[in-house]
Amino acid sequence: MSLTLTDQDKATIRNAAYGAVSLMAAAGAAGSPHRIATEGTIALSSATGPIGHVLAAKSKDIKLDGKSVAELADHVLPALTEAISLLKQQAPEEAGNFRGTVLVAVEAAAGAQKGGPGPALAEMTRKITEALDAA
């Protein structure tokens, strides 16, 4: 299946997906943020289909600036909703693929925490899921 996305669409999708992993790492900073980020990124790199190709592309368009978790969330959570919306318009099955891919990455990131995800990671997972479902 072919998916026609603009460069801006692809940037939104990459920022949303990698931003979700970054939010998990930031929320789990008391544990091992590097391991959280690694596990989440590995999950994103295992994506298949057109979304997998978008996420695997070598690109310098990922911009995840923010001096706090709140600033990062202000950028990433709306990007998750926007990514789902644009995919629903163009290819609903790819919207589901993207949603599933991000949730697997979030779950992998949460599972990287010794003893399981704490309250901060659980709450960030809820917020990410809510953003994905808002479209």
C-alpha atoms as a PDB file:
ATOM      1  CA  MET A   1       0.000   0.000   0.000  1.00  0.00           C
ATOM      2  CA  SER A   2       1.237   3.441  -0.881  1.00  0.00           C
ATOM      3  CA  LEU A   3       0.788   6.373   1.425  1.00  0.00           C
ATOM      4  CA  THR A   4       1.317   9.878   0.080  1.00  0.00           C
ATOM      5  CA  LEU A   5       2.556  12.172   2.803  1.00  0.00           C
ATOM      6  CA  THR A   6       4.142  15.581   2.611  1.00  0.00           C
ATOM      7  CA  ASP A   7       7.504  16.158   4.269  1.00  0.00           C
ATOM      8  CA  GLN A   8       5.645  18.079   6.982  1.00  0.00           C
ATOM      9  CA  ASP A   9       3.269  15.125   7.529  1.00  0.00           C
ATOM     10  CA  LYS A  10       6.239  12.779   7.893  1.00  0.00           C
ATOM     11  CA  ALA A  11       7.912  15.182  10.329  1.00  0.00           C
ATOM     12  CA  THR A  12       4.715  15.332  12.398  1.00  0.00           C
ATOM     13  CA  ILE A  13       4.515  11.530  12.519  1.00  0.00           C
ATOM     14  CA  ARG A  14       8.178  11.167  13.517  1.00  0.00           C
ATOM     15  CA  ASN A  15       7.969  13.924  16.124  1.00  0.00           C
ATOM     16  CA  ALA A  16       4.823  12.400  17.594  1.00  0.00           C
ATOM     17  CA  ALA A  17       6.205   8.855  17.802  1.00  0.00           C
ATOM     18  CA  TYR A  18       9.692   9.696  19.049  1.00  0.00           C
ATOM     19  CA  GLY A  19       8.223  12.420  21.231  1.00  0.00           C
ATOM     20  CA  ALA A  20       6.022   9.857  22.997  1.00  0.00           C
ATOM     21  CA  VAL A  21       9.148   7.845  23.836  1.00  0.00           C
ATOM     22  CA  SER A  22      10.894  11.031  24.990  1.00  0.00           C
ATOM     23  CA  LEU A  23       7.957  11.865  27.249  1.00  0.00           C
ATOM     24  CA  MET A  24       8.174   8.405  28.796  1.00  0.00           C
ATOM     25  CA  ALA A  25      11.915   8.823  29.372  1.00  0.00           C
ATOM     26  CA  ALA A  26      11.384  12.253  30.928  1.00  0.00           C
ATOM     27  CA  ALA A  27       8.566  10.990  33.159  1.00  0.00           C
ATOM     28  CA  GLY A  28      10.683   8.036  34.277  1.00  0.00           C
ATOM     29  CA  ALA A  29      13.754  10.156  34.987  1.00  0.00           C
ATOM     30  CA  ALA A  30      13.952   8.861  38.558  1.00  0.00           C
ATOM     31  CA  GLY A  31      14.663   5.405  37.159  1.00  0.00           C
ATOM     32  CA  SER A  32      16.672   4.823  34.009  1.00  0.00           C
ATOM     33  CA  PRO A  33      15.670   7.320  31.320  1.00  0.00           C
ATOM     34  CA  HIS A  34      18.302   5.998  28.906  1.00  0.00           C
ATOM     35  CA  ARG A  35      16.968   2.461  29.142  1.00  0.00           C
ATOM     36  CA  ILE A  36      13.384   3.716  28.798  1.00  0.00           C
ATOM     37  CA  ALA A  37      14.329   5.679  25.670  1.00  0.00           C
ATOM     38  CA  THR A  38      16.284   2.750  24.236  1.00  0.00           C
ATOM     39  CA  GLU A  39      13.465   0.238  24.708  1.00  0.00           C
ATOM     40  CA  GLY A  40      10.893   2.627  23.245  1.00  0.00           C
ATOM     41  CA  THR A  41      13.083   3.489  20.273  1.00  0.00           C
ATOM     42  CA  ILE A  42      13.765  -0.178  19.532  1.00  0.00           C
ATOM     43  CA  ALA A  43      10.008  -0.750  19.473  1.00  0.00           C
ATOM     44  CA  LEU A  44       9.519   2.149  17.033  1.00  0.00           C
ATOM     45  CA  SER A  45      12.244   0.814  14.766  1.00  0.00           C
ATOM     46  CA  SER A  46      10.381  -2.493  14.499  1.00  0.00           C
ATOM     47  CA  ALA A  47       7.337  -0.828  12.924  1.00  0.00           C
ATOM     48  CA  THR A  48       6.194  -2.223   9.584  1.00  0.00           C
ATOM     49  CA  GLY A  49       4.253  -0.959   6.597  1.00  0.00           C
ATOM     50  CA  PRO A  50       4.291   2.625   5.393  1.00  0.00           C
ATOM     51  CA  ILE A  51       4.484   3.909   8.979  1.00  0.00           C
ATOM     52  CA  GLY A  52       7.548   1.754   9.551  1.00  0.00           C
ATOM     53  CA  HIS A  53       9.196   3.352   6.529  1.00  0.00           C
ATOM     54  CA  VAL A  54       8.381   6.863   7.772  1.00  0.00           C
ATOM     55  CA  LEU A  55       9.763   6.121  11.246  1.00  0.00           C
ATOM     56  CA  ALA A  56      12.883   4.388   9.892  1.00  0.00           C
ATOM     57  CA  ALA A  57      13.838   7.188   7.511  1.00  0.00           C
ATOM     58  CA  LYS A  58      17.038   8.993   8.394  1.00  0.00           C
ATOM     59  CA  SER A  59      15.887  12.508   9.044  1.00  0.00           C
ATOM     60  CA  LYS A  60      16.920  15.623  10.875  1.00  0.00           C
ATOM     61  CA  ASP A  61      13.345  16.890  11.209  1.00  0.00           C
ATOM     62  CA  ILE A  62      12.753  15.528  14.707  1.00  0.00           C
ATOM     63  CA  LYS A  63      12.558  18.528  17.022  1.00  0.00           C
ATOM     64  CA  LEU A  64      11.918  17.615  20.638  1.00  0.00           C
ATOM     65  CA  ASP A  65      12.825  20.767  22.477  1.00  0.00           C
ATOM     66  CA  GLY A  66      11.627  21.584  25.922  1.00  0.00           C
ATOM     67  CA  LYS A  67      13.230  22.435  29.211  1.00  0.00           C
ATOM     68  CA  SER A  68      10.627  20.503  31.152  1.00  0.00           C
ATOM     69  CA  VAL A  69       8.285  17.578  30.738  1.00  0.00           C
ATOM     70  CA  ALA A  70       5.420  20.075  30.497  1.00  0.00           C
ATOM     71  CA  GLU A  71       7.043  21.936  27.574  1.00  0.00           C
ATOM     72  CA  LEU A  72       7.769  18.659  25.784  1.00  0.00           C
ATOM     73  CA  ALA A  73       4.192  17.476  26.369  1.00  0.00           C
ATOM     74  CA  ASP A  74       2.841  20.774  24.966  1.00  0.00           C
ATOM     75  CA  HIS A  75       4.522  19.856  21.682  1.00  0.00           C
ATOM     76  CA  VAL A  76       4.187  16.058  21.575  1.00  0.00           C
ATOM     77  CA  LEU A  77       0.622  15.407  22.734  1.00  0.00           C
ATOM     78  CA  PRO A  78      -0.966  17.624  20.047  1.00  0.00           C
ATOM     79  CA  ALA A  79       1.404  16.085  17.466  1.00  0.00           C
ATOM     80  CA  LEU A  80       0.090  12.620  18.373  1.00  0.00           C
ATOM     81  CA  THR A  81      -3.490  13.776  17.782  1.00  0.00           C
ATOM     82  CA  GLU A  82      -2.512  15.535  14.548  1.00  0.00           C
ATOM     83  CA  ALA A  83      -0.667  12.451  13.256  1.00  0.00           C
ATOM     84  CA  ILE A  84      -3.685  10.223  13.870  1.00  0.00           C
ATOM     85  CA  SER A  85      -6.007  12.767  12.222  1.00  0.00           C
ATOM     86  CA  LEU A  86      -3.957  13.076   9.055  1.00  0.00           C
ATOM     87  CA  LEU A  87      -3.543   9.303   8.806  1.00  0.00           C
ATOM     88  CA  LYS A  88      -7.287   8.731   9.311  1.00  0.00           C
ATOM     89  CA  GLN A  89      -7.924  11.051   6.361  1.00  0.00           C
ATOM     90  CA  GLN A  90      -5.453   9.326   4.051  1.00  0.00           C
ATOM     91  CA  ALA A  91      -5.344   5.694   5.178  1.00  0.00           C
ATOM     92  CA  PRO A  92      -7.392   4.610   8.201  1.00  0.00           C
ATOM     93  CA  GLU A  93      -5.526   1.292   8.491  1.00  0.00           C
ATOM     94  CA  GLU A  94      -2.260   3.216   8.818  1.00  0.00           C
ATOM     95  CA  ALA A  95      -3.801   5.318  11.587  1.00  0.00           C
ATOM     96  CA  GLY A  96      -4.366   2.051  13.451  1.00  0.00           C
ATOM     97  CA  ASN A  97      -0.844   0.893  12.636  1.00  0.00           C
ATOM     98  CA  PHE A  98       0.599   4.167  13.949  1.00  0.00           C
ATOM     99  CA  ARG A  99      -1.505   4.038  17.121  1.00  0.00           C
ATOM    100  CA  GLY A 100      -0.486   0.443  17.772  1.00  0.00           C
ATOM    101  CA  THR A 101       3.172   1.181  17.082  1.00  0.00           C
ATOM    102  CA  VAL A 102       3.242   4.110  19.490  1.00  0.00           C
ATOM    103  CA  LEU A 103       1.447   2.118  22.193  1.00  0.00           C
ATOM    104  CA  VAL A 104       3.889  -0.793  21.817  1.00  0.00           C
ATOM    105  CA  ALA A 105       6.767   1.677  22.151  1.00  0.00           C
ATOM    106  CA  VAL A 106       5.180   3.246  25.234  1.00  0.00           C
ATOM    107  CA  GLU A 107       4.616  -0.196  26.748  1.00  0.00           C
ATOM    108  CA  ALA A 108       8.225  -1.202  25.991  1.00  0.00           C
ATOM    109  CA  ALA A 109       9.451   2.032  27.554  1.00  0.00           C
ATOM    110  CA  ALA A 110       7.310   1.508  30.658  1.00  0.00           C
ATOM    111  CA  GLY A 111       8.525  -2.081  30.949  1.00  0.00           C
ATOM    112  CA  ALA A 112      12.139  -0.893  31.061  1.00  0.00           C
ATOM    113  CA  GLN A 113      11.579   0.388  34.599  1.00  0.00           C
ATOM    114  CA  LYS A 114      12.685  -2.056  37.299  1.00  0.00           C
ATOM    115  CA  GLY A 115       9.694  -3.177  39.308  1.00  0.00           C
ATOM    116  CA  GLY A 116       7.310  -2.038  36.587  1.00  0.00           C
ATOM    117  CA  PRO A 117       6.117   1.438  35.717  1.00  0.00           C
ATOM    118  CA  GLY A 118       5.593   3.820  38.594  1.00  0.00           C
ATOM    119  CA  PRO A 119       2.783   6.339  38.885  1.00  0.00           C
ATOM    120  CA  ALA A 120       4.509   8.951  36.700  1.00  0.00           C
ATOM    121  CA  LEU A 121       4.988   6.530  33.805  1.00  0.00           C
ATOM    122  CA  ALA A 122       1.472   5.175  34.192  1.00  0.00           C
ATOM    123  CA  GLU A 123       0.062   8.697  34.049  1.00  0.00           C
ATOM    124  CA  MET A 124       2.177   9.608  31.013  1.00  0.00           C
ATOM    125  CA  THR A 125       0.969   6.428  29.283  1.00  0.00           C
ATOM    126  CA  ARG A 126      -2.617   7.515  29.967  1.00  0.00           C
ATOM    127  CA  LYS A 127      -1.971  10.992  28.530  1.00  0.00           C
ATOM    128  CA  ILE A 128      -0.327   9.581  25.402  1.00  0.00           C
ATOM    129  CA  THR A 129      -3.204   7.150  24.871  1.00  0.00           C
ATOM    130  CA  GLU A 130      -5.704   9.952  25.381  1.00  0.00           C
ATOM    131  CA  ALA A 131      -3.898  12.110  22.773  1.00  0.00           C
ATOM    132  CA  LEU A 132      -3.927   9.217  20.286  1.00  0.00           C
ATOM    133  CA  ASP A 133      -7.653   8.707  20.853  1.00  0.00           C
ATOM    134  CA  ALA A 134      -8.579  12.410  20.646  1.00  0.00           C
ATOM    135  CA  ALA A 135      -8.610  12.437  16.847  1.00  0.00           C
END
